[in-house]
Amino acid sequence: MIVVDSNVLAYLYLPGEFTAAADALLEREPEWAAPILWRSEFRNILAGYLRRGTISFEQATSLQREAESLLSGCEFEVESNSVLELVRDSDCSAYDCEFVALAMKLDIKLVTMDKKLLRAFPKRAIALSAG
């Protein structure tokens, strides 16, 4: 199992430069986890695509359902204290620190392309391309 940030999910479901890497990651590590926050972040990503006319409303709702199905049973609450400790000790947002807090709680890696997270938490966060 690995924790993935919302952008890794977006790379999986929205074709782009890192889609092949996200597909390969899913083949290697089929069990993905995320804090419940991922749902709002992913919806926000879909909203951007929807507003730009890149995807239809039907596609957006279908992609949200697919992503929810992928993470079914692997969505977790994180403790506020843990998140705030990570915020205190880094320059990362509380949103991003939720993913790190979950990876720490589960004692697994966080896969991300977020440079701030990769710099701040090199023992926990790994780049998507590194798999």
Protein backbone atom coordinates (compact mmCIF):
# COMPACT_ATOMS: atom_id res chain seq x y z
CA MET A 1 0.00 0.00 0.00
CA ILE A 2 1.08 3.58 -0.73
CA VAL A 3 -0.40 7.00 -0.07
CA VAL A 4 -0.93 9.05 -3.22
CA ASP A 5 -1.64 12.74 -3.39
CA SER A 6 -4.54 14.13 -5.39
CA ASN A 7 -2.33 15.09 -8.32
CA VAL A 8 -1.19 11.48 -8.77
CA LEU A 9 -4.87 10.52 -9.01
CA ALA A 10 -5.38 13.28 -11.53
CA TYR A 11 -2.44 12.00 -13.58
CA LEU A 12 -4.07 8.56 -13.60
CA TYR A 13 -7.49 9.73 -14.78
CA LEU A 14 -6.73 12.84 -16.86
CA PRO A 15 -4.40 12.17 -19.82
CA GLY A 16 -1.16 14.11 -19.69
CA GLU A 17 2.59 14.03 -19.29
CA PHE A 18 2.58 11.79 -16.18
CA THR A 19 -0.32 9.46 -17.04
CA ALA A 20 1.96 6.61 -18.13
CA ALA A 21 3.92 6.90 -14.87
CA ALA A 22 0.67 6.83 -12.84
CA ASP A 23 -0.54 3.78 -14.79
CA ALA A 24 2.76 2.00 -14.16
CA LEU A 25 2.59 2.88 -10.47
CA LEU A 26 -0.91 1.42 -10.19
CA GLU A 27 0.31 -1.82 -11.79
CA ARG A 28 3.26 -2.04 -9.37
CA GLU A 29 1.34 -0.83 -6.30
CA PRO A 30 -2.38 -1.51 -6.78
CA GLU A 31 -3.42 -0.54 -3.26
CA TRP A 32 -3.63 3.25 -2.95
CA ALA A 33 -4.60 5.19 0.16
CA ALA A 34 -5.37 8.86 0.84
CA PRO A 35 -6.79 11.11 3.52
CA ILE A 36 -10.48 11.90 3.00
CA LEU A 37 -9.39 15.38 1.87
CA TRP A 38 -8.39 13.86 -1.50
CA ARG A 39 -12.06 13.90 -2.57
CA SER A 40 -12.34 17.70 -2.34
CA GLU A 41 -8.95 18.25 -3.97
CA PHE A 42 -9.78 15.89 -6.83
CA ARG A 43 -13.19 17.54 -7.32
CA ASN A 44 -11.40 20.88 -7.51
CA ILE A 45 -9.04 19.54 -10.19
CA LEU A 46 -12.05 18.23 -12.13
CA ALA A 47 -13.76 21.61 -11.71
CA GLY A 48 -10.84 23.30 -13.48
CA TYR A 49 -11.05 20.88 -16.40
CA LEU A 50 -14.83 21.29 -16.51
CA ARG A 51 -14.66 25.09 -16.53
CA ARG A 52 -12.04 25.07 -19.31
CA GLY A 53 -14.28 22.80 -21.36
CA THR A 54 -11.66 20.05 -21.40
CA ILE A 55 -14.12 17.51 -19.99
CA SER A 56 -17.91 17.34 -19.83
CA PHE A 57 -19.98 17.24 -16.65
CA GLU A 58 -20.70 13.56 -17.34
CA GLN A 59 -16.98 12.83 -17.68
CA ALA A 60 -16.23 14.70 -14.45
CA THR A 61 -18.80 12.74 -12.48
CA SER A 62 -17.65 9.47 -14.03
CA LEU A 63 -14.00 10.20 -13.19
CA GLN A 64 -14.92 11.09 -9.61
CA ARG A 65 -16.81 7.79 -9.26
CA GLU A 66 -13.88 5.82 -10.72
CA ALA A 67 -11.41 7.46 -8.34
CA GLU A 68 -13.72 6.86 -5.38
CA SER A 69 -13.98 3.22 -6.38
CA LEU A 70 -10.19 2.91 -6.60
CA LEU A 71 -9.75 4.32 -3.08
CA SER A 72 -12.78 2.55 -1.57
CA GLY A 73 -11.83 1.24 1.86
CA CYS A 74 -8.50 3.07 1.80
CA GLU A 75 -9.59 6.58 2.80
CA PHE A 76 -8.52 7.68 6.26
CA GLU A 77 -9.00 10.42 8.80
CA VAL A 78 -5.82 12.03 10.09
CA GLU A 79 -5.28 13.65 13.45
CA SER A 80 -5.15 17.43 13.45
CA ASN A 81 -2.27 17.46 15.91
CA SER A 82 -0.15 15.33 13.57
CA VAL A 83 -0.93 17.59 10.63
CA LEU A 84 -0.15 20.76 12.59
CA GLU A 85 3.16 19.33 13.82
CA LEU A 86 4.15 18.71 10.19
CA VAL A 87 3.04 22.23 9.24
CA ARG A 88 5.10 23.65 12.10
CA ASP A 89 8.20 21.78 10.97
CA SER A 90 7.92 22.52 7.24
CA ASP A 91 6.78 25.15 4.77
CA CYS A 92 4.05 22.86 3.38
CA SER A 93 0.32 23.56 3.51
CA ALA A 94 -1.93 21.81 5.99
CA TYR A 95 -3.63 20.16 3.01
CA ASP A 96 -0.37 18.65 1.82
CA CYS A 97 0.63 17.67 5.34
CA GLU A 98 -2.52 15.54 5.62
CA PHE A 99 -1.03 13.19 3.03
CA VAL A 100 2.29 13.05 4.89
CA ALA A 101 0.52 12.48 8.22
CA LEU A 102 -1.38 9.55 6.73
CA ALA A 103 1.77 8.03 5.25
CA MET A 104 3.41 8.32 8.65
CA LYS A 105 0.39 6.86 10.44
CA LEU A 106 0.34 3.84 8.09
CA ASP A 107 4.18 3.70 7.95
CA ILE A 108 4.21 3.70 4.17
CA LYS A 109 5.49 5.99 1.41
CA LEU A 110 3.71 8.99 -0.06
CA VAL A 111 3.95 9.24 -3.84
CA THR A 112 3.79 12.81 -5.11
CA MET A 113 5.20 15.22 -7.64
CA ASP A 114 4.99 18.12 -5.18
CA LYS A 115 8.51 19.51 -4.93
CA LYS A 116 7.88 21.09 -1.51
CA LEU A 117 6.75 17.78 -0.06
CA LEU A 118 9.65 15.91 -1.65
CA ARG A 119 12.13 18.41 -0.14
CA ALA A 120 10.50 18.66 3.27
CA PHE A 121 9.91 14.94 3.81
CA PRO A 122 12.58 13.04 1.86
CA LYS A 123 12.29 9.94 4.04
CA ARG A 124 8.54 9.65 3.54
CA ALA A 125 7.76 11.23 0.14
CA ILE A 126 8.95 9.82 -3.15
CA ALA A 127 8.48 11.17 -6.66
CA LEU A 128 5.95 9.55 -8.97
CA SER A 129 8.63 8.82 -11.56
CA ALA A 130 10.69 6.99 -8.94
CA GLY A 131 7.69 4.77 -8.20
